[in-house]
Protein backbone atom coordinates (compact mmCIF):
# COMPACT_ATOMS: atom_id res chain seq x y z
CA MET A 1 -20.93 0.78 -26.44
CA ARG A 2 -23.86 -1.52 -26.99
CA GLN A 3 -24.31 -4.07 -24.23
CA SER A 4 -25.56 -6.72 -26.64
CA LYS A 5 -22.18 -6.58 -28.44
CA LEU A 6 -19.97 -5.95 -25.41
CA PHE A 7 -17.80 -8.76 -24.07
CA VAL A 8 -18.85 -8.46 -20.43
CA PRO A 9 -19.48 -11.96 -19.01
CA THR A 10 -21.18 -11.22 -15.69
CA LEU A 11 -21.56 -13.91 -13.04
CA LYS A 12 -24.32 -14.51 -10.51
CA GLU A 13 -21.96 -16.08 -7.97
CA SER A 14 -18.63 -14.86 -6.64
CA PRO A 15 -15.48 -16.91 -7.36
CA ALA A 16 -14.49 -19.20 -4.49
CA ASP A 17 -11.08 -17.55 -4.01
CA ALA A 18 -12.42 -13.97 -3.87
CA GLU A 19 -11.98 -12.76 -0.27
CA ILE A 20 -12.58 -9.03 -0.70
CA ALA A 21 -15.10 -6.80 -2.45
CA SER A 22 -12.87 -5.52 -5.26
CA HIS A 23 -11.83 -9.02 -6.33
CA ARG A 24 -15.36 -10.39 -6.03
CA LEU A 25 -17.06 -7.54 -7.89
CA LEU A 26 -14.50 -7.13 -10.66
CA VAL A 27 -14.87 -10.80 -11.55
CA ARG A 28 -18.65 -10.89 -11.17
CA ALA A 29 -19.10 -7.74 -13.27
CA GLY A 30 -16.96 -9.10 -16.12
CA PHE A 31 -14.01 -6.71 -15.69
CA LEU A 32 -11.43 -9.32 -14.73
CA ARG A 33 -10.57 -13.00 -15.12
CA LYS A 34 -7.92 -15.14 -13.47
CA VAL A 35 -5.28 -16.88 -15.61
CA ALA A 36 -3.11 -18.31 -12.82
CA SER A 37 -2.42 -17.56 -9.18
CA GLY A 38 -1.81 -13.82 -8.92
CA ILE A 39 -2.06 -13.30 -12.71
CA TYR A 40 -5.16 -11.74 -14.28
CA GLU A 41 -6.45 -10.58 -17.63
CA LEU A 42 -8.46 -7.37 -18.02
CA LEU A 43 -11.64 -7.55 -20.06
CA PRO A 44 -12.97 -4.56 -22.05
CA LEU A 45 -14.63 -2.68 -19.17
CA GLY A 46 -11.66 -3.29 -16.88
CA ALA A 47 -9.28 -2.11 -19.57
CA ARG A 48 -11.30 1.10 -20.01
CA VAL A 49 -10.98 1.91 -16.31
CA VAL A 50 -7.26 1.20 -16.28
CA ARG A 51 -6.66 3.37 -19.36
CA LYS A 52 -8.47 6.26 -17.67
CA ILE A 53 -6.29 5.93 -14.58
CA GLU A 54 -3.25 5.85 -16.85
CA GLY A 55 -4.50 9.00 -18.57
CA ILE A 56 -4.78 10.88 -15.27
CA VAL A 57 -1.30 9.70 -14.25
CA ARG A 58 0.20 10.83 -17.58
CA GLU A 59 -1.44 14.24 -17.37
CA GLU A 60 -0.12 14.88 -13.87
CA MET A 61 3.35 13.49 -14.55
CA ASN A 62 3.73 15.54 -17.72
CA ALA A 63 2.44 18.66 -15.98
CA ALA A 64 5.05 18.14 -13.22
CA GLY A 65 7.86 18.01 -15.77
CA ALA A 66 8.38 14.26 -16.08
CA GLN A 67 8.86 12.62 -19.48
CA GLU A 68 7.56 9.21 -20.51
CA VAL A 69 9.83 6.38 -21.67
CA VAL A 70 9.32 2.67 -22.27
CA LEU A 71 11.76 0.32 -20.57
CA PRO A 72 12.21 -3.44 -20.99
CA ILE A 73 10.80 -5.89 -18.48
CA MET A 74 13.69 -8.32 -19.25
CA GLN A 75 16.70 -6.93 -17.39
CA PRO A 76 20.28 -8.31 -17.55
CA ARG A 77 21.90 -9.71 -14.43
CA GLU A 78 24.97 -7.55 -14.88
CA LEU A 79 23.09 -4.32 -14.10
CA TRP A 80 21.58 -5.78 -10.93
CA GLU A 81 24.99 -7.01 -9.82
CA GLU A 82 26.37 -3.49 -10.21
CA SER A 83 23.80 -2.20 -7.72
CA GLY A 84 24.26 -5.21 -5.44
CA ARG A 85 20.61 -6.26 -5.66
CA TRP A 86 20.85 -9.45 -7.77
CA GLU A 87 21.18 -11.59 -4.65
CA LYS A 88 19.56 -9.22 -2.15
CA TYR A 89 16.23 -8.93 -3.96
CA GLY A 90 15.49 -12.56 -3.23
CA PRO A 91 12.96 -14.98 -4.75
CA GLU A 92 10.38 -12.30 -5.60
CA MET A 93 12.35 -11.60 -8.78
CA MET A 94 11.76 -14.24 -11.44
CA ARG A 95 15.11 -15.23 -12.93
CA LEU A 96 15.58 -16.87 -16.31
CA LYS A 97 18.17 -17.55 -19.01
CA ASP A 98 18.09 -16.82 -22.72
CA ARG A 99 19.26 -19.28 -25.40
CA ALA A 100 22.84 -18.13 -24.89
CA GLU A 101 22.62 -18.99 -21.17
CA ARG A 102 22.77 -15.33 -20.16
CA ASP A 103 20.97 -14.47 -16.91
CA PHE A 104 18.03 -12.07 -16.86
CA GLY A 105 15.50 -10.95 -14.30
CA LEU A 106 11.83 -10.29 -15.00
CA GLY A 107 11.81 -6.70 -13.76
CA PRO A 108 10.01 -6.07 -10.46
CA THR A 109 11.23 -2.46 -10.69
CA ALA A 110 13.63 -0.53 -12.94
CA GLU A 111 16.18 1.47 -10.93
CA GLU A 112 19.11 -0.33 -12.54
CA VAL A 113 17.88 -0.04 -16.11
CA ILE A 114 16.99 3.65 -15.84
CA THR A 115 20.30 4.46 -14.14
CA ASP A 116 22.15 2.76 -16.98
CA LEU A 117 20.11 4.74 -19.52
CA VAL A 118 20.92 8.07 -17.90
CA ARG A 119 24.61 7.41 -17.19
CA THR A 120 25.26 6.57 -20.84
CA ASN A 121 23.36 9.56 -22.22
CA ALA A 122 23.85 12.42 -19.76
CA SER A 123 27.21 13.57 -18.40
CA SER A 124 27.08 17.31 -17.76
CA TRP A 125 25.46 19.50 -15.11
CA ARG A 126 23.66 21.16 -18.01
CA ASP A 127 21.75 17.89 -18.64
CA LEU A 128 20.22 17.91 -15.16
CA PRO A 129 17.65 17.62 -13.72
CA ILE A 130 16.12 14.64 -15.53
CA ASN A 131 12.77 13.13 -14.57
CA LEU A 132 11.62 10.04 -16.50
CA TYR A 133 8.69 7.68 -16.00
CA GLN A 134 7.04 4.71 -17.62
CA ILE A 135 3.75 2.82 -17.32
CA GLY A 136 4.16 -0.90 -17.83
CA ASP A 137 3.93 -4.42 -16.49
CA LYS A 138 5.93 -5.55 -13.48
CA PHE A 139 6.38 -9.04 -12.11
CA ARG A 140 7.02 -10.01 -8.50
CA ASP A 141 6.76 -13.66 -7.53
CA GLU A 142 4.70 -13.14 -4.38
CA VAL A 143 4.94 -16.03 -1.95
CA ARG A 144 1.20 -15.87 -1.31
CA PRO A 145 -0.81 -13.97 -3.93
CA ARG A 146 -4.20 -12.93 -2.59
CA PHE A 147 -6.89 -10.26 -2.70
CA GLY A 148 -7.02 -10.17 -6.49
CA LEU A 149 -5.30 -7.06 -7.85
CA LEU A 150 -4.11 -5.95 -4.41
CA ARG A 151 -1.53 -8.71 -4.03
CA GLY A 152 -0.87 -10.10 -7.49
CA ARG A 153 2.29 -11.31 -9.17
CA GLU A 154 1.91 -9.44 -12.46
CA PHE A 155 0.58 -5.90 -12.28
CA LEU A 156 0.53 -2.58 -14.08
CA MET A 157 2.66 0.12 -12.51
CA LYS A 158 3.80 3.65 -13.12
CA ASP A 159 7.41 3.97 -12.02
CA GLY A 160 9.40 7.20 -12.26
CA TYR A 161 12.98 8.28 -11.55
CA SER A 162 14.58 11.67 -11.02
CA PHE A 163 18.26 12.61 -11.39
CA ASP A 164 19.58 15.81 -9.84
CA ARG A 165 22.88 17.56 -9.17
CA ASP A 166 22.53 17.64 -5.38
CA GLU A 167 20.27 16.80 -2.45
CA GLU A 168 18.45 20.12 -2.64
CA GLY A 169 17.51 19.37 -6.25
CA MET A 170 16.43 15.85 -5.30
CA ARG A 171 14.16 17.23 -2.58
CA ARG A 172 12.55 19.59 -5.11
CA SER A 173 11.93 16.72 -7.52
CA TYR A 174 10.60 14.61 -4.66
CA GLN A 175 8.17 17.32 -3.58
CA ALA A 176 6.95 17.79 -7.15
CA MET A 177 6.16 14.09 -7.42
CA TYR A 178 4.63 14.02 -3.93
CA ASP A 179 2.26 16.83 -4.88
CA ALA A 180 1.44 15.26 -8.25
CA TYR A 181 0.61 11.95 -6.58
CA GLY A 182 -1.90 13.65 -4.33
CA ARG A 183 -3.62 15.14 -7.39
CA VAL A 184 -3.64 11.76 -9.14
CA PHE A 185 -5.40 9.95 -6.31
CA THR A 186 -7.86 12.77 -5.71
CA ARG A 187 -8.80 12.88 -9.39
CA CYS A 188 -9.30 9.11 -9.40
CA GLY A 189 -11.86 9.49 -6.60
CA CYS A 190 -9.64 7.76 -4.05
CA SER A 191 -9.40 9.17 -0.52
CA TRP A 192 -5.79 8.94 0.64
CA ARG A 193 -3.29 9.76 3.33
CA ALA A 194 0.48 10.20 2.84
CA VAL A 195 2.47 8.53 5.63
CA GLU A 196 6.12 8.17 6.54
CA ALA A 197 7.31 4.76 5.38
CA ASP A 198 10.16 2.28 5.39
CA THR A 199 12.34 2.29 2.27
CA GLY A 200 12.73 -1.50 2.19
CA ILE A 201 14.58 -3.19 -0.67
CA ILE A 202 14.31 -0.05 -2.85
CA GLY A 203 16.52 1.90 -0.47
CA GLY A 204 17.15 5.52 0.43
CA ASP A 205 16.67 7.52 3.60
CA VAL A 206 13.24 9.16 3.20
CA SER A 207 10.02 7.69 1.87
CA HIS A 208 6.28 8.29 1.98
CA GLU A 209 3.53 5.83 1.16
CA PHE A 210 0.19 6.99 -0.21
CA MET A 211 -2.41 4.92 1.59
CA ALA A 212 -6.08 4.50 0.70
CA PRO A 213 -7.98 3.83 3.95
CA ALA A 214 -9.92 0.58 3.65
CA GLU A 215 -10.90 -2.22 6.00
CA VAL A 216 -9.12 -4.82 3.87
CA GLY A 217 -5.84 -2.89 3.76
CA GLU A 218 -2.80 -5.03 4.49
CA ASP A 219 -0.98 -2.14 6.19
CA ASP A 220 -1.88 -0.22 9.33
CA ILE A 221 -1.29 3.51 9.45
CA ALA A 222 -1.09 5.75 12.49
CA TRP A 223 -2.17 9.37 12.18
CA CYS A 224 -2.72 12.25 14.56
CA GLU A 225 -6.11 13.89 15.02
CA ASP A 226 -4.54 17.25 15.85
CA CYS A 227 -1.59 17.66 13.45
CA ASP A 228 -0.35 16.29 10.13
CA TYR A 229 1.79 13.48 11.56
CA ALA A 230 1.14 10.14 9.86
CA ALA A 231 3.27 7.03 9.44
CA ASN A 232 3.07 3.36 8.65
CA VAL A 233 2.64 1.54 11.96
CA THR A 234 5.78 -0.48 11.21
CA LEU A 235 7.82 2.64 12.05
CA ALA A 236 5.37 5.13 13.59
CA ALA A 237 6.74 6.88 16.67
CA TYR A 238 4.65 7.72 19.71
CA ARG A 239 5.11 9.68 22.92
CA ARG A 240 5.64 7.38 25.92
CA ALA A 241 3.75 7.88 29.17
CA GLU A 242 5.64 8.19 32.44
CA PRO A 243 7.03 4.75 33.35
CA PRO A 244 5.61 2.82 36.31
CA TRP A 245 7.31 3.60 39.64
CA GLY A 246 8.42 1.06 42.20
CA GLU A 247 8.26 1.21 46.00
CA GLY A 248 11.99 0.69 46.52
CA ARG A 249 11.61 -2.90 47.66
CA ALA A 250 14.10 -5.58 46.66
CA PRO A 251 13.03 -8.01 43.96
CA GLU A 252 11.01 -10.99 45.18
CA LYS A 253 11.13 -14.41 43.54
CA VAL A 254 7.63 -15.88 43.09
CA HIS A 255 6.75 -19.46 42.21
CA THR A 256 4.72 -19.44 38.96
CA PRO A 257 4.33 -23.09 37.94
CA GLU A 258 3.67 -23.58 34.22
CA GLN A 259 2.84 -19.86 33.79
CA ARG A 260 4.81 -18.82 30.71
CA THR A 261 2.96 -16.15 28.71
CA ILE A 262 2.36 -12.57 29.83
CA ALA A 263 -1.38 -13.26 29.94
CA GLU A 264 -0.90 -16.34 32.13
CA VAL A 265 1.55 -14.75 34.56
CA SER A 266 -0.30 -11.43 34.84
CA SER A 267 -3.49 -13.29 35.73
CA PHE A 268 -1.62 -15.53 38.16
CA LEU A 269 0.06 -12.62 39.95
CA GLY A 270 -2.85 -10.17 39.64
CA MET A 271 -0.68 -7.55 37.90
CA GLU A 272 -1.48 -5.53 34.77
CA PRO A 273 0.42 -6.65 31.63
CA GLU A 274 2.00 -3.18 31.27
CA ARG A 275 3.87 -3.77 34.55
CA PHE A 276 5.71 -6.73 33.02
CA ILE A 277 9.01 -6.71 31.17
CA LYS A 278 8.72 -9.00 28.19
CA CYS A 279 12.15 -10.36 27.25
CA LEU A 280 12.32 -11.37 23.59
CA MET A 281 15.32 -13.38 22.44
CA PHE A 282 16.59 -12.84 18.89
CA LEU A 283 19.40 -14.51 16.99
CA VAL A 284 21.25 -11.66 15.30
CA GLU A 285 24.01 -12.74 12.93
CA ASP A 286 24.38 -15.91 15.05
CA GLU A 287 24.52 -14.06 18.40
CA PRO A 288 21.76 -13.97 21.06
CA VAL A 289 20.35 -10.49 21.60
CA ALA A 290 17.68 -9.65 24.18
CA VAL A 291 14.98 -7.07 23.42
CA LEU A 292 12.94 -5.78 26.38
CA VAL A 293 9.46 -4.36 25.83
CA PRO A 294 6.50 -3.64 28.11
CA GLY A 295 4.29 -6.68 28.53
CA ASP A 296 1.38 -5.10 26.72
CA ARG A 297 3.42 -4.05 23.67
CA GLU A 298 4.77 -5.73 20.53
CA ALA A 299 8.22 -5.25 19.02
CA GLY A 300 8.27 -3.98 15.43
CA GLU A 301 10.40 -5.86 12.90
CA ILE A 302 11.22 -2.77 10.81
CA LYS A 303 12.13 -0.77 13.91
CA LEU A 304 14.37 -3.61 15.10
CA GLU A 305 16.08 -3.82 11.72
CA ARG A 306 16.97 -0.13 11.94
CA VAL A 307 18.21 -0.47 15.53
CA LEU A 308 20.19 -3.65 14.89
CA GLY A 309 21.65 -2.34 11.65
CA THR A 310 20.91 -5.59 9.82
CA GLY A 311 18.02 -7.60 8.45
CA GLU A 312 19.77 -10.85 9.35
CA PHE A 313 17.89 -11.67 12.56
CA ARG A 314 15.05 -13.84 13.75
CA LEU A 315 13.07 -14.52 16.90
CA PHE A 316 14.33 -17.61 18.74
CA GLY A 317 12.90 -20.83 17.36
CA GLU A 318 12.86 -24.26 18.99
CA GLU A 319 16.32 -25.07 17.65
CA ASP A 320 17.71 -21.86 19.18
CA TRP A 321 16.28 -22.58 22.63
CA GLU A 322 17.96 -25.99 22.45
CA ARG A 323 21.23 -24.51 21.23
CA PHE A 324 21.33 -21.92 24.03
CA PRO A 325 19.99 -23.77 27.10
CA GLU A 326 21.01 -20.93 29.44
CA TYR A 327 17.89 -19.12 28.21
CA LEU A 328 14.73 -20.75 29.58
CA GLN A 329 11.80 -20.34 27.23
CA GLY A 330 8.92 -18.61 29.05
CA PHE A 331 11.05 -17.55 32.01
CA VAL A 332 13.74 -15.29 30.51
CA GLY A 333 14.23 -11.96 32.28
CA PRO A 334 16.78 -9.12 32.30
CA VAL A 335 18.06 -9.59 35.88
CA GLY A 336 21.37 -11.41 35.64
CA LEU A 337 20.84 -12.07 31.94
CA ARG A 338 23.90 -12.63 29.78
CA ALA A 339 23.53 -11.67 26.14
CA SER A 340 25.73 -9.94 23.58
CA ARG A 341 23.34 -6.97 23.76
CA ILE A 342 20.29 -6.06 25.82
CA ILE A 343 18.11 -3.49 24.04
CA ALA A 344 15.13 -1.93 25.81
CA ASP A 345 12.22 0.11 24.54
CA GLU A 346 12.17 3.75 25.66
CA ALA A 347 9.07 3.05 27.75
CA LEU A 348 11.18 1.03 30.20
CA ARG A 349 13.69 3.79 30.94
CA GLY A 350 13.42 4.38 34.71
CA ALA A 351 10.60 1.86 35.15
CA GLY A 352 10.21 0.37 38.64
CA GLY A 353 8.13 -2.21 40.47
CA MET A 354 8.07 -4.41 37.39
CA ALA A 355 7.66 -8.16 36.99
CA CYS A 356 9.77 -10.35 34.71
CA GLY A 357 11.11 -13.85 34.20
CA ALA A 358 13.59 -15.06 36.88
CA ASN A 359 15.75 -17.09 34.47
CA GLU A 360 14.69 -20.10 36.51
CA ARG A 361 12.02 -22.58 35.51
CA ASP A 362 8.60 -21.86 37.05
CA TYR A 363 9.73 -18.62 38.70
CA HIS A 364 9.24 -14.89 38.07
CA LEU A 365 10.52 -11.78 39.83
CA THR A 366 8.42 -8.87 41.11
CA GLY A 367 9.58 -5.46 42.35
CA VAL A 368 12.24 -5.13 39.62
CA ASP A 369 13.65 -1.65 38.95
CA GLU A 370 15.51 -0.67 35.78
CA GLY A 371 18.95 0.74 36.62
CA ARG A 372 19.10 -0.87 40.04
CA ASP A 373 18.45 -4.53 39.23
CA PHE A 374 19.53 -4.62 35.61
CA THR A 375 21.11 -2.40 32.97
CA VAL A 376 20.75 -2.38 29.22
CA SER A 377 23.05 -1.68 26.27
CA PHE A 378 20.82 1.16 25.06
CA PHE A 379 17.22 2.35 24.86
CA GLU A 380 15.44 2.72 21.52
CA ASP A 381 11.96 3.00 20.04
CA VAL A 382 11.31 -0.66 19.17
CA THR A 383 7.56 -1.11 19.88
CA LEU A 384 4.57 -0.57 17.60
CA ALA A 385 2.23 2.37 18.03
CA ARG A 386 -1.44 1.64 18.61
CA ASP A 387 -4.77 3.43 18.61
CA GLY A 388 -4.94 6.13 21.29
CA ASP A 389 -1.19 6.63 21.71
CA ALA A 390 0.10 10.20 22.02
CA CYS A 391 1.45 11.84 18.87
CA PRO A 392 5.25 12.26 18.94
CA ARG A 393 4.95 15.80 17.54
CA CYS A 394 2.04 17.45 19.34
CA GLY A 395 0.89 14.95 21.97
CA GLY A 396 -2.57 14.63 20.43
CA ALA A 397 -4.38 11.32 20.21
CA MET A 398 -3.34 9.07 17.34
CA ARG A 399 -5.65 6.79 15.44
CA VAL A 400 -4.72 3.55 13.69
CA GLU A 401 -6.57 2.38 10.60
CA ALA A 402 -6.00 -0.12 7.81
CA GLY A 403 -4.91 1.14 4.43
CA ILE A 404 -4.04 -0.01 0.91
CA GLU A 405 -0.74 1.23 -0.44
CA VAL A 406 -1.45 2.78 -3.85
CA GLY A 407 1.83 4.65 -4.31
CA GLN A 408 5.21 5.32 -2.74
CA VAL A 409 7.96 7.89 -3.25
CA PHE A 410 11.60 7.57 -2.20
CA GLN A 411 14.58 9.87 -1.78
CA LEU A 412 17.26 7.45 -2.99
CA GLY A 413 20.27 9.72 -2.75
CA LEU A 414 23.36 7.91 -4.05
CA LYS A 415 22.18 4.32 -3.52
CA TYR A 416 22.31 3.47 -7.24
CA SER A 417 24.27 6.28 -8.83
CA GLU A 418 27.38 5.71 -6.73
CA PRO A 419 27.90 1.95 -7.24
CA MET A 420 26.74 2.17 -10.87
CA ARG A 421 28.86 5.27 -11.53
CA CYS A 422 26.03 7.43 -12.82
CA LEU A 423 28.15 10.59 -12.84
CA TYR A 424 28.08 14.12 -14.20
CA ASP A 425 30.70 16.85 -14.53
CA ASP A 426 29.91 19.99 -12.54
CA GLU A 427 30.72 23.57 -13.56
CA ASN A 428 34.34 23.09 -12.48
CA GLY A 429 34.77 19.87 -14.42
CA GLU A 430 34.69 17.75 -11.26
CA SER A 431 32.93 14.38 -11.54
CA ARG A 432 30.03 13.84 -9.09
CA PRO A 433 27.34 11.17 -8.65
CA MET A 434 23.79 12.15 -9.55
CA VAL A 435 21.30 12.29 -6.67
CA MET A 436 18.23 10.18 -7.36
CA GLY A 437 14.60 9.74 -6.39
CA THR A 438 12.14 7.03 -7.40
CA TYR A 439 8.35 7.12 -7.51
CA GLY A 440 5.76 4.36 -8.01
CA ILE A 441 1.99 4.10 -8.47
CA GLY A 442 0.19 0.77 -8.70
CA ILE A 443 -2.24 1.44 -11.56
CA THR A 444 -4.24 -1.77 -11.15
CA ARG A 445 -4.02 -1.38 -7.36
CA VAL A 446 -5.66 2.03 -7.65
CA MET A 447 -8.57 0.44 -9.51
CA ALA A 448 -9.05 -2.13 -6.75
CA ALA A 449 -8.61 0.44 -3.97
CA VAL A 450 -11.27 2.71 -5.49
CA ILE A 451 -13.73 -0.19 -5.46
CA GLU A 452 -12.91 -0.99 -1.84
CA GLN A 453 -13.88 2.58 -1.00
CA HIS A 454 -16.83 2.81 -3.42
CA HIS A 455 -19.19 -0.17 -3.44
CA ASP A 456 -22.32 -1.51 -1.80
CA GLU A 457 -24.02 -4.90 -1.51
CA ARG A 458 -25.28 -4.62 -5.10
CA GLY A 459 -22.04 -3.81 -6.87
CA MET A 460 -19.42 -1.19 -7.72
CA ILE A 461 -19.92 2.60 -7.65
CA TRP A 462 -17.38 4.19 -9.99
CA PRO A 463 -16.22 7.80 -9.60
CA LEU A 464 -17.06 9.71 -12.75
CA ALA A 465 -13.42 10.36 -13.77
CA ILE A 466 -12.47 6.68 -14.13
CA ALA A 467 -15.83 5.00 -14.78
CA PRO A 468 -15.99 2.70 -17.81
CA ALA A 469 -18.75 5.02 -19.10
CA HIS A 470 -20.48 8.16 -17.88
CA LEU A 471 -24.06 7.09 -18.52
CA HIS A 472 -25.84 3.73 -18.60
CA VAL A 473 -28.91 3.95 -20.84
CA LEU A 474 -31.60 1.48 -19.69
CA PRO A 475 -34.67 1.21 -21.92
CA LEU A 476 -37.17 -1.10 -20.23
CA ASN A 477 -39.06 -3.44 -22.55
CA TYR A 478 -36.62 -2.68 -25.35
CA GLU A 479 -38.93 -4.33 -27.86
CA ARG A 480 -41.34 -1.38 -27.54
CA GLU A 481 -40.66 0.79 -30.55
CA ASN A 482 -41.08 4.20 -28.86
CA ARG A 483 -38.75 3.34 -25.98
CA ARG A 484 -36.20 1.75 -28.28
CA ALA A 485 -36.19 4.82 -30.52
CA ALA A 486 -35.78 7.15 -27.52
CA ALA A 487 -32.89 5.08 -26.18
CA GLU A 488 -31.17 5.04 -29.55
CA LYS A 489 -31.58 8.80 -29.92
CA LEU A 490 -30.20 9.44 -26.42
CA TYR A 491 -27.28 7.13 -27.08
CA GLU A 492 -26.43 8.84 -30.37
CA SER A 493 -26.71 12.26 -28.73
CA CYS A 494 -24.19 11.18 -26.10
CA LEU A 495 -21.73 10.18 -28.78
CA GLU A 496 -22.21 13.47 -30.61
CA ARG A 497 -21.49 15.44 -27.44
CA GLY A 498 -18.45 13.39 -26.47
CA LEU A 499 -20.18 11.66 -23.57
CA GLU A 500 -19.46 7.99 -22.98
CA ALA A 501 -22.58 5.85 -22.83
CA LEU A 502 -23.37 2.16 -22.46
CA LEU A 503 -26.69 1.26 -24.08
CA ASP A 504 -28.40 -1.83 -22.67
CA ASP A 505 -30.01 -2.91 -25.91
CA ARG A 506 -30.64 -6.46 -24.70
CA GLU A 507 -34.15 -7.89 -24.65
CA GLU A 508 -33.91 -8.76 -20.97
CA SER A 509 -36.29 -8.16 -18.07
CA ALA A 510 -36.10 -4.94 -16.06
CA GLY A 511 -34.84 -6.94 -13.07
CA VAL A 512 -31.88 -8.35 -15.01
CA LYS A 513 -31.00 -4.95 -16.45
CA PHE A 514 -31.10 -3.18 -13.09
CA ALA A 515 -29.10 -5.94 -11.39
CA ASP A 516 -26.37 -5.79 -14.06
CA ALA A 517 -26.35 -1.98 -13.97
CA ASP A 518 -25.91 -2.01 -10.18
CA LEU A 519 -23.11 -4.54 -10.48
CA ILE A 520 -21.22 -2.65 -13.21
CA GLY A 521 -21.62 0.60 -11.29
CA ILE A 522 -21.66 3.33 -13.97
CA PRO A 523 -22.28 6.56 -12.00
CA TYR A 524 -25.36 7.81 -13.91
CA ARG A 525 -28.28 5.85 -15.31
CA ALA A 526 -30.98 6.99 -17.72
CA VAL A 527 -34.10 4.82 -17.36
CA ILE A 528 -36.60 4.95 -20.22
CA GLY A 529 -39.87 3.39 -19.02
CA LYS A 530 -43.38 4.39 -17.98
CA GLY A 531 -42.41 8.00 -17.44
CA TYR A 532 -41.39 8.27 -21.06
CA ASP A 533 -44.74 6.82 -22.14
CA GLU A 534 -46.55 9.43 -20.03
CA ASP A 535 -44.72 12.67 -20.82
CA GLY A 536 -41.54 11.87 -22.77
CA SER A 537 -39.31 12.25 -19.69
CA VAL A 538 -36.27 10.18 -18.78
CA GLU A 539 -35.49 9.16 -15.19
CA LEU A 540 -31.93 10.04 -14.19
CA GLN A 541 -30.65 7.81 -11.39
CA VAL A 542 -27.44 8.44 -9.44
CA ARG A 543 -25.76 5.12 -8.63
CA GLU A 544 -24.05 6.36 -5.46
CA THR A 545 -27.01 7.98 -3.71
CA GLY A 546 -29.99 6.34 -5.38
CA GLU A 547 -31.37 9.82 -6.16
CA LYS A 548 -33.96 9.82 -8.98
CA THR A 549 -35.02 12.81 -11.10
CA ARG A 550 -37.32 12.96 -14.11
CA MET A 551 -36.24 15.32 -16.86
CA SER A 552 -36.01 15.67 -20.61
CA ALA A 553 -33.23 13.88 -22.47
CA GLU A 554 -31.70 17.23 -23.44
CA ALA A 555 -31.67 18.45 -19.82
CA LEU A 556 -30.03 15.17 -18.78
CA LEU A 557 -27.28 15.63 -21.35
CA ASP A 558 -26.69 19.24 -20.23
CA LEU A 559 -26.46 18.17 -16.59
CA LEU A 560 -24.02 15.40 -17.38
CA ALA A 561 -21.82 17.67 -19.50
CA GLU A 562 -21.78 20.23 -16.69
CA ARG A 563 -20.65 17.64 -14.15
CA LEU A 564 -17.90 16.54 -16.50
CA GLY A 565 -16.79 20.15 -16.93
CA ARG A 566 -17.54 20.21 -20.64
């Protein structure tokens, strides 16, 4: 590639809506441009990176036994109604009609389409297992697109689906994809951690997310320093400490005028927040439910959904406090509380000497013991883990860090095959539903995540495997005939040896060339300047470390080929 001919419109300033490094640098370096909110177009250098990521994904999927297909993004309503997701998926799926007034969805995922494909073309145990994947555009109408490629509406995704005879076969397929995903992210130069995850709208019983640790990650992950336990914080377990003990005294009612929040009351009473019982009121399918958690902890929505057995719940709003005046906002407590259910976090089992709301305006209770002064419907893990908590497996210290989800795998079981009647005949001629798994990688998300992990104040630093080119050839004062000839020869030699090079053949100043090279972030740089005039050497610069070495052009090519394994 010659830079003078390359469509790479770099910018000196970052776009106003770019909040994170990957968005800012991709736009500034001419890899990406915005078309509409959450919708982007890839320019030549961006497309080169994406195609390389796709290539790595294809190699690993094919090696793991998966086969590539191409599925439509326009999906008929009838298939989604069979699975029960037409209404459940909600407004993230863009719905539209064709000229015959038939309903379609702009596919956010493809479980229904692939299940229909397999059920109509495979019917015997001899046909199984089947593992199919595609790489294509998806559309999800995000309520608040942000962070460029990390939270867009249209994006490039690899989605795969396995069909097996039984759960044991599904687990084998799942493990094969799990292992392949690890190889994909490692080859792309992305550090990652696989964590237990919620299955969400996709469904199934078991799922793992592949998270790329990064400060801008929208998810928090908890992981143990001493064992391999790791999970998304939304459902991470942790080992509770011994609960606080009371002194056996009866509860005492204390006047706490206008003290409503845990912070206010704990300061007023001189008690630590962890010695408070926070009583959260939820409306669950139109019934009030109380959830008790330690005062220094937060309830997790995903954990509550699993405990409640429904996603149809919400924290009390102003209209709910008015509708149920027996619950006094800011002063609700478990002693004498009437609710359809009272659920408590495991940390409160056997807790004593606690403080809580007195169910009377401007009053709280102290010296409250669980079991003596109040009882609950059941205890569950409903609070979020945090940094320093004890690991549920080994008791070691857990750490919490932000991460970017770059992939997720699911054990679906019969979620789609049963309602959609994706069946096969076993060896005895008996009809059985296929057991499914589904597997996704955000291709464009991987590109953004890699940048979040590999950049500095000057620009991007691409890993060699997915860089838009291997070598950036920078002749300084390109109008000088000897330097121009050396640059052209080096560039042609790269092409002959199968090495990808970008030649900066522009008649620009050294400062402009170096600034653009830093921004674009090609991993190796060959500078042809004063050193070449002196002894015919080329200066090899490593973008990541700044290391500089003078050598002959031939030695540079040999070194680069060696690092590429060629």
